Amino acid sequence: MGGAEFDVSLLEANALAATAVVKPASVSWPFPIDRRLDQLVGLANLAGANTHRHELAAALVAAAPADGEALLAAVIAWRKQKVRDVVLDVSSTAEVVELPRYPPGRRAARGA
């Protein structure tokens, strides 16, 4: 396929995936999704998870069905969602949703 070279990582099949070599993800997504991830981390931590954005995002990807039709349905549903559908705790009467914006880099430990 075009002769592109790449490295191969050999991973023990029975090792915990959460402890495997880390590959930085290059993900860009809309602000409402970023806010929702923060909110979900906060909810998980209130339940005792002691987690961070990267771990929850990895858990959600790992939990996604390995079914093309189900993934297609999820993508179509995502494309139809409004900001109020994505960001938690938005009033049904809100006309504007205010989202906090953070500088790049690690965030200080705090709730959502």
PDB file of N, CA and C in Angstrom:
ATOM      1  N   MET A   1       0.833  -1.191   0.000  1.00  0.00           N
ATOM      2  CA  MET A   1       0.000   0.000   0.000  1.00  0.00           C
ATOM      3  C   MET A   1       0.870   1.244   0.000  1.00  0.00           C
ATOM      4  N   GLY A   2       1.366   1.653  -1.098  1.00  0.00           N
ATOM      5  CA  GLY A   2       2.114   2.888  -1.197  1.00  0.00           C
ATOM      6  C   GLY A   2       3.506   2.829  -0.623  1.00  0.00           C
ATOM      7  N   GLY A   3       3.929   1.701  -0.075  1.00  0.00           N
ATOM      8  CA  GLY A   3       5.282   1.564   0.435  1.00  0.00           C
ATOM      9  C   GLY A   3       5.564   2.310   1.729  1.00  0.00           C
ATOM     10  N   ALA A   4       4.536   2.773   2.440  1.00  0.00           N
ATOM     11  CA  ALA A   4       4.762   3.464   3.704  1.00  0.00           C
ATOM     12  C   ALA A   4       5.322   2.487   4.720  1.00  0.00           C
ATOM     13  N   GLU A   5       6.360   2.921   5.429  1.00  0.00           N
ATOM     14  CA  GLU A   5       6.951   2.068   6.458  1.00  0.00           C
ATOM     15  C   GLU A   5       6.349   2.412   7.812  1.00  0.00           C
ATOM     16  N   PHE A   6       6.258   1.428   8.670  1.00  0.00           N
ATOM     17  CA  PHE A   6       5.751   1.654  10.016  1.00  0.00           C
ATOM     18  C   PHE A   6       6.383   0.650  10.951  1.00  0.00           C
ATOM     19  N   ASP A   7       6.385   0.972  12.221  1.00  0.00           N
ATOM     20  CA  ASP A   7       6.901   0.074  13.247  1.00  0.00           C
ATOM     21  C   ASP A   7       5.789  -0.872  13.679  1.00  0.00           C
ATOM     22  N   VAL A   8       6.183  -2.010  14.162  1.00  0.00           N
ATOM     23  CA  VAL A   8       5.235  -2.980  14.687  1.00  0.00           C
ATOM     24  C   VAL A   8       5.533  -3.161  16.166  1.00  0.00           C
ATOM     25  N   SER A   9       4.494  -3.110  16.977  1.00  0.00           N
ATOM     26  CA  SER A   9       4.647  -3.392  18.403  1.00  0.00           C
ATOM     27  C   SER A   9       4.116  -4.788  18.666  1.00  0.00           C
ATOM     28  N   LEU A  10       4.891  -5.573  19.369  1.00  0.00           N
ATOM     29  CA  LEU A  10       4.457  -6.902  19.762  1.00  0.00           C
ATOM     30  C   LEU A  10       4.000  -6.832  21.212  1.00  0.00           C
ATOM     31  N   LEU A  11       2.751  -7.160  21.442  1.00  0.00           N
ATOM     32  CA  LEU A  11       2.175  -7.080  22.775  1.00  0.00           C
ATOM     33  C   LEU A  11       1.728  -8.461  23.222  1.00  0.00           C
ATOM     34  N   GLU A  12       1.969  -8.764  24.474  1.00  0.00           N
ATOM     35  CA  GLU A  12       1.511 -10.017  25.063  1.00  0.00           C
ATOM     36  C   GLU A  12      -0.020 -10.018  25.025  1.00  0.00           C
ATOM     37  N   ALA A  13      -0.606 -11.017  24.420  1.00  0.00           N
ATOM     38  CA  ALA A  13      -2.056 -11.069  24.222  1.00  0.00           C
ATOM     39  C   ALA A  13      -2.837 -11.097  25.534  1.00  0.00           C
ATOM     40  N   ASN A  14      -2.264 -11.643  26.588  1.00  0.00           N
ATOM     41  CA  ASN A  14      -2.970 -11.738  27.864  1.00  0.00           C
ATOM     42  C   ASN A  14      -2.619 -10.614  28.838  1.00  0.00           C
ATOM     43  N   ALA A  15      -1.808  -9.657  28.395  1.00  0.00           N
ATOM     44  CA  ALA A  15      -1.476  -8.511  29.255  1.00  0.00           C
ATOM     45  C   ALA A  15      -2.684  -7.582  29.339  1.00  0.00           C
ATOM     46  N   LEU A  16      -2.752  -6.819  30.402  1.00  0.00           N
ATOM     47  CA  LEU A  16      -3.818  -5.826  30.528  1.00  0.00           C
ATOM     48  C   LEU A  16      -3.619  -4.732  29.481  1.00  0.00           C
ATOM     49  N   ALA A  17      -4.633  -4.474  28.689  1.00  0.00           N
ATOM     50  CA  ALA A  17      -4.541  -3.458  27.643  1.00  0.00           C
ATOM     51  C   ALA A  17      -4.237  -2.082  28.238  1.00  0.00           C
ATOM     52  N   ALA A  18      -4.747  -1.817  29.427  1.00  0.00           N
ATOM     53  CA  ALA A  18      -4.542  -0.515  30.062  1.00  0.00           C
ATOM     54  C   ALA A  18      -3.083  -0.263  30.421  1.00  0.00           C
ATOM     55  N   THR A  19      -2.274  -1.321  30.449  1.00  0.00           N
ATOM     56  CA  THR A  19      -0.865  -1.158  30.805  1.00  0.00           C
ATOM     57  C   THR A  19       0.056  -1.252  29.593  1.00  0.00           C
ATOM     58  N   ALA A  20      -0.513  -1.336  28.403  1.00  0.00           N
ATOM     59  CA  ALA A  20       0.291  -1.444  27.176  1.00  0.00           C
ATOM     60  C   ALA A  20       1.006  -0.131  26.880  1.00  0.00           C
ATOM     61  N   VAL A  21       1.944  -0.203  25.966  1.00  0.00           N
ATOM     62  CA  VAL A  21       2.681   0.977  25.522  1.00  0.00           C
ATOM     63  C   VAL A  21       1.678   2.035  25.073  1.00  0.00           C
ATOM     64  N   VAL A  22       1.929   3.266  25.455  1.00  0.00           N
ATOM     65  CA  VAL A  22       1.018   4.366  25.148  1.00  0.00           C
ATOM     66  C   VAL A  22       1.338   4.958  23.776  1.00  0.00           C
ATOM     67  N   LYS A  23       0.297   5.215  23.006  1.00  0.00           N
ATOM     68  CA  LYS A  23       0.421   5.910  21.737  1.00  0.00           C
ATOM     69  C   LYS A  23      -0.386   7.194  21.844  1.00  0.00           C
ATOM     70  N   PRO A  24       0.272   8.348  21.741  1.00  0.00           N
ATOM     71  CA  PRO A  24      -0.483   9.601  21.818  1.00  0.00           C
ATOM     72  C   PRO A  24      -1.539   9.656  20.716  1.00  0.00           C
ATOM     73  N   ALA A  25      -2.739  10.036  21.086  1.00  0.00           N
ATOM     74  CA  ALA A  25      -3.830  10.131  20.119  1.00  0.00           C
ATOM     75  C   ALA A  25      -3.918  11.555  19.592  1.00  0.00           C
ATOM     76  N   SER A  26      -4.136  11.659  18.330  1.00  0.00           N
ATOM     77  CA  SER A  26      -4.318  12.965  17.715  1.00  0.00           C
ATOM     78  C   SER A  26      -5.795  13.098  17.387  1.00  0.00           C
ATOM     79  N   VAL A  27      -6.560  13.555  18.359  1.00  0.00           N
ATOM     80  CA  VAL A  27      -8.005  13.651  18.199  1.00  0.00           C
ATOM     81  C   VAL A  27      -8.421  15.109  18.314  1.00  0.00           C
ATOM     82  N   SER A  28      -9.146  15.554  17.319  1.00  0.00           N
ATOM     83  CA  SER A  28      -9.768  16.877  17.377  1.00  0.00           C
ATOM     84  C   SER A  28     -11.264  16.651  17.320  1.00  0.00           C
ATOM     85  N   TRP A  29     -11.997  17.302  18.201  1.00  0.00           N
ATOM     86  CA  TRP A  29     -13.436  17.133  18.197  1.00  0.00           C
ATOM     87  C   TRP A  29     -14.110  18.410  18.658  1.00  0.00           C
ATOM     88  N   PRO A  30     -15.399  18.520  18.443  1.00  0.00           N
ATOM     89  CA  PRO A  30     -16.136  19.737  18.808  1.00  0.00           C
ATOM     90  C   PRO A  30     -16.135  19.986  20.321  1.00  0.00           C
ATOM     91  N   PHE A  31     -16.225  21.262  20.679  1.00  0.00           N
ATOM     92  CA  PHE A  31     -16.238  21.654  22.089  1.00  0.00           C
ATOM     93  C   PHE A  31     -17.298  20.930  22.917  1.00  0.00           C
ATOM     94  N   PRO A  32     -18.524  20.710  22.404  1.00  0.00           N
ATOM     95  CA  PRO A  32     -19.503  20.003  23.249  1.00  0.00           C
ATOM     96  C   PRO A  32     -19.048  18.606  23.667  1.00  0.00           C
ATOM     97  N   ILE A  33     -18.344  17.897  22.793  1.00  0.00           N
ATOM     98  CA  ILE A  33     -17.851  16.563  23.148  1.00  0.00           C
ATOM     99  C   ILE A  33     -16.755  16.675  24.203  1.00  0.00           C
ATOM    100  N   ASP A  34     -15.895  17.666  24.057  1.00  0.00           N
ATOM    101  CA  ASP A  34     -14.835  17.867  25.035  1.00  0.00           C
ATOM    102  C   ASP A  34     -15.433  18.150  26.412  1.00  0.00           C
ATOM    103  N   ARG A  35     -16.470  18.983  26.432  1.00  0.00           N
ATOM    104  CA  ARG A  35     -17.140  19.299  27.692  1.00  0.00           C
ATOM    105  C   ARG A  35     -17.799  18.058  28.284  1.00  0.00           C
ATOM    106  N   ARG A  36     -18.459  17.285  27.424  1.00  0.00           N
ATOM    107  CA  ARG A  36     -19.129  16.072  27.910  1.00  0.00           C
ATOM    108  C   ARG A  36     -18.118  15.100  28.507  1.00  0.00           C
ATOM    109  N   LEU A  37     -16.959  14.963  27.871  1.00  0.00           N
ATOM    110  CA  LEU A  37     -15.935  14.075  28.431  1.00  0.00           C
ATOM    111  C   LEU A  37     -15.555  14.528  29.832  1.00  0.00           C
ATOM    112  N   ASP A  38     -15.344  15.830  30.016  1.00  0.00           N
ATOM    113  CA  ASP A  38     -15.045  16.344  31.360  1.00  0.00           C
ATOM    114  C   ASP A  38     -16.169  16.005  32.334  1.00  0.00           C
ATOM    115  N   GLN A  39     -17.417  16.197  31.890  1.00  0.00           N
ATOM    116  CA  GLN A  39     -18.551  15.918  32.759  1.00  0.00           C
ATOM    117  C   GLN A  39     -18.639  14.425  33.105  1.00  0.00           C
ATOM    118  N   LEU A  40     -18.384  13.569  32.132  1.00  0.00           N
ATOM    119  CA  LEU A  40     -18.426  12.131  32.382  1.00  0.00           C
ATOM    120  C   LEU A  40     -17.308  11.692  33.326  1.00  0.00           C
ATOM    121  N   VAL A  41     -16.126  12.291  33.178  1.00  0.00           N
ATOM    122  CA  VAL A  41     -15.037  12.008  34.116  1.00  0.00           C
ATOM    123  C   VAL A  41     -15.471  12.391  35.531  1.00  0.00           C
ATOM    124  N   GLY A  42     -16.094  13.546  35.653  1.00  0.00           N
ATOM    125  CA  GLY A  42     -16.580  13.977  36.960  1.00  0.00           C
ATOM    126  C   GLY A  42     -17.580  12.998  37.557  1.00  0.00           C
ATOM    127  N   LEU A  43     -18.512  12.524  36.729  1.00  0.00           N
ATOM    128  CA  LEU A  43     -19.505  11.553  37.213  1.00  0.00           C
ATOM    129  C   LEU A  43     -18.839  10.234  37.618  1.00  0.00           C
ATOM    130  N   ALA A  44     -17.908   9.777  36.805  1.00  0.00           N
ATOM    131  CA  ALA A  44     -17.199   8.529  37.138  1.00  0.00           C
ATOM    132  C   ALA A  44     -16.427   8.684  38.440  1.00  0.00           C
ATOM    133  N   ASN A  45     -15.810   9.834  38.618  1.00  0.00           N
ATOM    134  CA  ASN A  45     -15.038  10.056  39.840  1.00  0.00           C
ATOM    135  C   ASN A  45     -15.940  10.187  41.064  1.00  0.00           C
ATOM    136  N   LEU A  46     -17.112  10.773  40.897  1.00  0.00           N
ATOM    137  CA  LEU A  46     -18.067  10.816  42.012  1.00  0.00           C
ATOM    138  C   LEU A  46     -18.469   9.406  42.432  1.00  0.00           C
ATOM    139  N   ALA A  47     -18.473   8.488  41.478  1.00  0.00           N
ATOM    140  CA  ALA A  47     -18.810   7.093  41.773  1.00  0.00           C
ATOM    141  C   ALA A  47     -17.608   6.311  42.293  1.00  0.00           C
ATOM    142  N   GLY A  48     -16.417   6.966  42.345  1.00  0.00           N
ATOM    143  CA  GLY A  48     -15.239   6.330  42.911  1.00  0.00           C
ATOM    144  C   GLY A  48     -14.206   5.846  41.907  1.00  0.00           C
ATOM    145  N   ALA A  49     -14.306   6.253  40.646  1.00  0.00           N
ATOM    146  CA  ALA A  49     -13.408   5.731  39.617  1.00  0.00           C
ATOM    147  C   ALA A  49     -11.969   6.233  39.727  1.00  0.00           C
ATOM    148  N   ASN A  50     -11.764   7.436  40.226  1.00  0.00           N
ATOM    149  CA  ASN A  50     -10.424   8.035  40.268  1.00  0.00           C
ATOM    150  C   ASN A  50      -9.752   7.929  38.889  1.00  0.00           C
ATOM    151  N   THR A  51     -10.439   8.452  37.866  1.00  0.00           N
ATOM    152  CA  THR A  51      -9.975   8.331  36.491  1.00  0.00           C
ATOM    153  C   THR A  51      -9.651   9.694  35.902  1.00  0.00           C
ATOM    154  N   HIS A  52      -9.170   9.675  34.679  1.00  0.00           N
ATOM    155  CA  HIS A  52      -8.819  10.894  33.942  1.00  0.00           C
ATOM    156  C   HIS A  52      -9.425  10.799  32.546  1.00  0.00           C
ATOM    157  N   ARG A  53      -9.378  11.907  31.819  1.00  0.00           N
ATOM    158  CA  ARG A  53      -9.956  11.976  30.476  1.00  0.00           C
ATOM    159  C   ARG A  53      -9.449  10.859  29.565  1.00  0.00           C
ATOM    160  N   HIS A  54      -8.140  10.660  29.531  1.00  0.00           N
ATOM    161  CA  HIS A  54      -7.594   9.669  28.603  1.00  0.00           C
ATOM    162  C   HIS A  54      -8.060   8.257  28.940  1.00  0.00           C
ATOM    163  N   GLU A  55      -8.173   7.949  30.228  1.00  0.00           N
ATOM    164  CA  GLU A  55      -8.585   6.607  30.603  1.00  0.00           C
ATOM    165  C   GLU A  55     -10.065   6.380  30.303  1.00  0.00           C
ATOM    166  N   LEU A  56     -10.904   7.368  30.572  1.00  0.00           N
ATOM    167  CA  LEU A  56     -12.324   7.201  30.279  1.00  0.00           C
ATOM    168  C   LEU A  56     -12.551   7.118  28.772  1.00  0.00           C
ATOM    169  N   ALA A  57     -11.858   7.948  27.992  1.00  0.00           N
ATOM    170  CA  ALA A  57     -11.991   7.869  26.540  1.00  0.00           C
ATOM    171  C   ALA A  57     -11.575   6.490  26.040  1.00  0.00           C
ATOM    172  N   ALA A  58     -10.489   5.946  26.566  1.00  0.00           N
ATOM    173  CA  ALA A  58     -10.039   4.605  26.181  1.00  0.00           C
ATOM    174  C   ALA A  58     -11.080   3.561  26.567  1.00  0.00           C
ATOM    175  N   ALA A  59     -11.664   3.695  27.739  1.00  0.00           N
ATOM    176  CA  ALA A  59     -12.684   2.744  28.191  1.00  0.00           C
ATOM    177  C   ALA A  59     -13.905   2.783  27.278  1.00  0.00           C
ATOM    178  N   LEU A  60     -14.293   3.978  26.864  1.00  0.00           N
ATOM    179  CA  LEU A  60     -15.457   4.104  25.983  1.00  0.00           C
ATOM    180  C   LEU A  60     -15.184   3.506  24.604  1.00  0.00           C
ATOM    181  N   VAL A  61     -13.985   3.716  24.073  1.00  0.00           N
ATOM    182  CA  VAL A  61     -13.621   3.115  22.789  1.00  0.00           C
ATOM    183  C   VAL A  61     -13.574   1.602  22.918  1.00  0.00           C
ATOM    184  N   ALA A  62     -12.981   1.103  23.991  1.00  0.00           N
ATOM    185  CA  ALA A  62     -12.896  -0.348  24.193  1.00  0.00           C
ATOM    186  C   ALA A  62     -14.279  -0.978  24.343  1.00  0.00           C
ATOM    187  N   ALA A  63     -15.232  -0.240  24.884  1.00  0.00           N
ATOM    188  CA  ALA A  63     -16.581  -0.757  25.092  1.00  0.00           C
ATOM    189  C   ALA A  63     -17.461  -0.654  23.847  1.00  0.00           C
ATOM    190  N   ALA A  64     -17.006   0.063  22.831  1.00  0.00           N
ATOM    191  CA  ALA A  64     -17.799   0.217  21.610  1.00  0.00           C
ATOM    192  C   ALA A  64     -17.958  -1.134  20.923  1.00  0.00           C
ATOM    193  N   PRO A  65     -19.114  -1.360  20.330  1.00  0.00           N
ATOM    194  CA  PRO A  65     -19.333  -2.663  19.682  1.00  0.00           C
ATOM    195  C   PRO A  65     -18.458  -2.824  18.443  1.00  0.00           C
ATOM    196  N   ALA A  66     -17.970  -4.020  18.224  1.00  0.00           N
ATOM    197  CA  ALA A  66     -17.197  -4.329  17.016  1.00  0.00           C
ATOM    198  C   ALA A  66     -18.173  -4.770  15.936  1.00  0.00           C
ATOM    199  N   ASP A  67     -19.069  -3.870  15.584  1.00  0.00           N
ATOM    200  CA  ASP A  67     -20.160  -4.146  14.654  1.00  0.00           C
ATOM    201  C   ASP A  67     -20.323  -2.923  13.759  1.00  0.00           C
ATOM    202  N   GLY A  68     -19.984  -3.075  12.501  1.00  0.00           N
ATOM    203  CA  GLY A  68     -20.034  -1.954  11.568  1.00  0.00           C
ATOM    204  C   GLY A  68     -21.384  -1.271  11.497  1.00  0.00           C
ATOM    205  N   GLU A  69     -22.453  -2.055  11.501  1.00  0.00           N
ATOM    206  CA  GLU A  69     -23.800  -1.473  11.425  1.00  0.00           C
ATOM    207  C   GLU A  69     -24.119  -0.659  12.681  1.00  0.00           C
ATOM    208  N   ALA A  70     -23.742  -1.169  13.844  1.00  0.00           N
ATOM    209  CA  ALA A  70     -23.977  -0.440  15.090  1.00  0.00           C
ATOM    210  C   ALA A  70     -23.156   0.846  15.117  1.00  0.00           C
ATOM    211  N   LEU A  71     -21.926   0.777  14.623  1.00  0.00           N
ATOM    212  CA  LEU A  71     -21.085   1.975  14.579  1.00  0.00           C
ATOM    213  C   LEU A  71     -21.640   2.990  13.587  1.00  0.00           C
ATOM    214  N   LEU A  72     -22.123   2.522  12.453  1.00  0.00           N
ATOM    215  CA  LEU A  72     -22.761   3.410  11.484  1.00  0.00           C
ATOM    216  C   LEU A  72     -23.943   4.124  12.122  1.00  0.00           C
ATOM    217  N   ALA A  73     -24.777   3.385  12.826  1.00  0.00           N
ATOM    218  CA  ALA A  73     -25.932   3.979  13.502  1.00  0.00           C
ATOM    219  C   ALA A  73     -25.485   5.029  14.515  1.00  0.00           C
ATOM    220  N   ALA A  74     -24.401   4.750  15.240  1.00  0.00           N
ATOM    221  CA  ALA A  74     -23.894   5.710  16.226  1.00  0.00           C
ATOM    222  C   ALA A  74     -23.397   6.984  15.540  1.00  0.00           C
ATOM    223  N   VAL A  75     -22.713   6.834  14.410  1.00  0.00           N
ATOM    224  CA  VAL A  75     -22.218   8.006  13.681  1.00  0.00           C
ATOM    225  C   VAL A  75     -23.392   8.841  13.168  1.00  0.00           C
ATOM    226  N   ILE A  76     -24.385   8.189  12.618  1.00  0.00           N
ATOM    227  CA  ILE A  76     -25.553   8.921  12.108  1.00  0.00           C
ATOM    228  C   ILE A  76     -26.268   9.636  13.246  1.00  0.00           C
ATOM    229  N   ALA A  77     -26.434   8.944  14.382  1.00  0.00           N
ATOM    230  CA  ALA A  77     -27.072   9.575  15.542  1.00  0.00           C
ATOM    231  C   ALA A  77     -26.259  10.777  16.014  1.00  0.00           C
ATOM    232  N   TRP A  78     -24.928  10.648  16.073  1.00  0.00           N
ATOM    233  CA  TRP A  78     -24.048  11.736  16.479  1.00  0.00           C
ATOM    234  C   TRP A  78     -24.235  12.945  15.571  1.00  0.00           C
ATOM    235  N   ARG A  79     -24.298  12.718  14.286  1.00  0.00           N
ATOM    236  CA  ARG A  79     -24.426  13.817  13.328  1.00  0.00           C
ATOM    237  C   ARG A  79     -25.721  14.587  13.486  1.00  0.00           C
ATOM    238  N   LYS A  80     -26.714  13.993  14.118  1.00  0.00           N
ATOM    239  CA  LYS A  80     -28.010  14.640  14.307  1.00  0.00           C
ATOM    240  C   LYS A  80     -28.152  15.314  15.665  1.00  0.00           C
ATOM    241  N   GLN A  81     -27.204  15.084  16.567  1.00  0.00           N
ATOM    242  CA  GLN A  81     -27.336  15.625  17.921  1.00  0.00           C
ATOM    243  C   GLN A  81     -27.083  17.121  17.970  1.00  0.00           C
ATOM    244  N   LYS A  82     -27.856  17.776  18.789  1.00  0.00           N
ATOM    245  CA  LYS A  82     -27.697  19.206  19.060  1.00  0.00           C
ATOM    246  C   LYS A  82     -26.757  19.365  20.247  1.00  0.00           C
ATOM    247  N   VAL A  83     -26.223  20.565  20.423  1.00  0.00           N
ATOM    248  CA  VAL A  83     -25.338  20.844  21.564  1.00  0.00           C
ATOM    249  C   VAL A  83     -26.034  20.462  22.862  1.00  0.00           C
ATOM    250  N   ARG A  84     -27.296  20.806  23.001  1.00  0.00           N
ATOM    251  CA  ARG A  84     -28.031  20.502  24.234  1.00  0.00           C
ATOM    252  C   ARG A  84     -28.165  19.003  24.481  1.00  0.00           C
ATOM    253  N   ASP A  85     -28.069  18.187  23.409  1.00  0.00           N
ATOM    254  CA  ASP A  85     -28.138  16.733  23.559  1.00  0.00           C
ATOM    255  C   ASP A  85     -26.836  16.153  24.087  1.00  0.00           C
ATOM    256  N   VAL A  86     -25.742  16.857  23.845  1.00  0.00           N
ATOM    257  CA  VAL A  86     -24.414  16.347  24.174  1.00  0.00           C
ATOM    258  C   VAL A  86     -23.953  16.826  25.549  1.00  0.00           C
ATOM    259  N   VAL A  87     -24.052  18.108  25.795  1.00  0.00           N
ATOM    260  CA  VAL A  87     -23.602  18.682  27.068  1.00  0.00           C
ATOM    261  C   VAL A  87     -24.636  18.344  28.143  1.00  0.00           C
ATOM    262  N   LEU A  88     -24.158  17.842  29.260  1.00  0.00           N
ATOM    263  CA  LEU A  88     -25.051  17.456  30.355  1.00  0.00           C
ATOM    264  C   LEU A  88     -25.625  18.677  31.067  1.00  0.00           C
ATOM    265  N   ASP A  89     -26.810  18.508  31.598  1.00  0.00           N
ATOM    266  CA  ASP A  89     -27.464  19.505  32.453  1.00  0.00           C
ATOM    267  C   ASP A  89     -27.746  20.827  31.754  1.00  0.00           C
ATOM    268  N   VAL A  90     -28.128  20.775  30.482  1.00  0.00           N
ATOM    269  CA  VAL A  90     -28.535  21.979  29.765  1.00  0.00           C
ATOM    270  C   VAL A  90     -30.050  22.100  29.887  1.00  0.00           C
ATOM    271  N   SER A  91     -30.507  23.247  30.319  1.00  0.00           N
ATOM    272  CA  SER A  91     -31.935  23.487  30.476  1.00  0.00           C
ATOM    273  C   SER A  91     -32.643  23.369  29.128  1.00  0.00           C
ATOM    274  N   SER A  92     -33.838  22.836  29.149  1.00  0.00           N
ATOM    275  CA  SER A  92     -34.607  22.696  27.908  1.00  0.00           C
ATOM    276  C   SER A  92     -35.007  24.048  27.345  1.00  0.00           C
ATOM    277  N   THR A  93     -34.915  25.102  28.155  1.00  0.00           N
ATOM    278  CA  THR A  93     -35.264  26.441  27.680  1.00  0.00           C
ATOM    279  C   THR A  93     -34.040  27.266  27.283  1.00  0.00           C
ATOM    280  N   ALA A  94     -32.855  26.707  27.450  1.00  0.00           N
ATOM    281  CA  ALA A  94     -31.628  27.451  27.131  1.00  0.00           C
ATOM    282  C   ALA A  94     -31.546  27.728  25.632  1.00  0.00           C
ATOM    283  N   GLU A  95     -31.151  28.940  25.312  1.00  0.00           N
ATOM    284  CA  GLU A  95     -30.932  29.311  23.914  1.00  0.00           C
ATOM    285  C   GLU A  95     -29.445  29.303  23.581  1.00  0.00           C
ATOM    286  N   VAL A  96     -28.608  29.415  24.614  1.00  0.00           N
ATOM    287  CA  VAL A  96     -27.157  29.421  24.461  1.00  0.00           C
ATOM    288  C   VAL A  96     -26.575  28.502  25.527  1.00  0.00           C
ATOM    289  N   VAL A  97     -25.516  27.777  25.170  1.00  0.00           N
ATOM    290  CA  VAL A  97     -24.820  26.919  26.132  1.00  0.00           C
ATOM    291  C   VAL A  97     -23.410  27.480  26.289  1.00  0.00           C
ATOM    292  N   GLU A  98     -23.066  27.843  27.519  1.00  0.00           N
ATOM    293  CA  GLU A  98     -21.734  28.386  27.803  1.00  0.00           C
ATOM    294  C   GLU A  98     -20.811  27.247  28.209  1.00  0.00           C
ATOM    295  N   LEU A  99     -19.683  27.132  27.496  1.00  0.00           N
ATOM    296  CA  LEU A  99     -18.724  26.065  27.779  1.00  0.00           C
ATOM    297  C   LEU A  99     -17.413  26.667  28.251  1.00  0.00           C
ATOM    298  N   PRO A 100     -16.837  26.120  29.325  1.00  0.00           N
ATOM    299  CA  PRO A 100     -15.518  26.600  29.746  1.00  0.00           C
ATOM    300  C   PRO A 100     -14.474  26.205  28.713  1.00  0.00           C
ATOM    301  N   ARG A 101     -13.478  27.043  28.499  1.00  0.00           N
ATOM    302  CA  ARG A 101     -12.378  26.723  27.588  1.00  0.00           C
ATOM    303  C   ARG A 101     -11.099  26.729  28.395  1.00  0.00           C
ATOM    304  N   TYR A 102     -10.281  25.717  28.171  1.00  0.00           N
ATOM    305  CA  TYR A 102      -9.058  25.547  28.937  1.00  0.00           C
ATOM    306  C   TYR A 102      -7.856  25.690  28.015  1.00  0.00           C
ATOM    307  N   PRO A 103      -6.743  26.161  28.546  1.00  0.00           N
ATOM    308  CA  PRO A 103      -5.524  26.212  27.727  1.00  0.00           C
ATOM    309  C   PRO A 103      -5.019  24.798  27.447  1.00  0.00           C
ATOM    310  N   PRO A 104      -4.181  24.627  26.423  1.00  0.00           N
ATOM    311  CA  PRO A 104      -3.637  23.298  26.121  1.00  0.00           C
ATOM    312  C   PRO A 104      -2.825  22.750  27.295  1.00  0.00           C
ATOM    313  N   GLY A 105      -2.709  21.433  27.341  1.00  0.00           N
ATOM    314  CA  GLY A 105      -1.915  20.789  28.381  1.00  0.00           C
ATOM    315  C   GLY A 105      -2.767  20.126  29.427  1.00  0.00           C
ATOM    316  N   ARG A 106      -2.082  19.547  30.402  1.00  0.00           N
ATOM    317  CA  ARG A 106      -2.775  18.854  31.483  1.00  0.00           C
ATOM    318  C   ARG A 106      -3.613  19.816  32.288  1.00  0.00           C
ATOM    319  N   ARG A 107      -4.724  19.324  32.742  1.00  0.00           N
ATOM    320  CA  ARG A 107      -5.620  20.130  33.579  1.00  0.00           C
ATOM    321  C   ARG A 107      -5.407  19.771  35.038  1.00  0.00           C
ATOM    322  N   ALA A 108      -5.582  20.757  35.875  1.00  0.00           N
ATOM    323  CA  ALA A 108      -5.490  20.502  37.307  1.00  0.00           C
ATOM    324  C   ALA A 108      -6.605  19.545  37.713  1.00  0.00           C
ATOM    325  N   ALA A 109      -6.354  18.713  38.697  1.00  0.00           N
ATOM    326  CA  ALA A 109      -7.366  17.769  39.171  1.00  0.00           C
ATOM    327  C   ALA A 109      -8.525  18.535  39.779  1.00  0.00           C
ATOM    328  N   ARG A 110      -9.726  18.247  39.268  1.00  0.00           N
ATOM    329  CA  ARG A 110     -10.945  18.874  39.776  1.00  0.00           C
ATOM    330  C   ARG A 110     -12.141  18.143  39.199  1.00  0.00           C
ATOM    331  N   GLY A 111     -13.318  18.437  39.728  1.00  0.00           N
ATOM    332  CA  GLY A 111     -14.549  17.858  39.202  1.00  0.00           C
ATOM    333  C   GLY A 111     -14.955  18.544  37.922  1.00  0.00           C
ATOM    334  N   ALA A 112     -16.017  18.055  37.273  1.00  0.00           N
ATOM    335  CA  ALA A 112     -16.468  18.635  36.009  1.00  0.00           C
ATOM    336  C   ALA A 112     -17.214  19.910  36.204  1.00  0.00           C
TER     337      ALA A 112
END
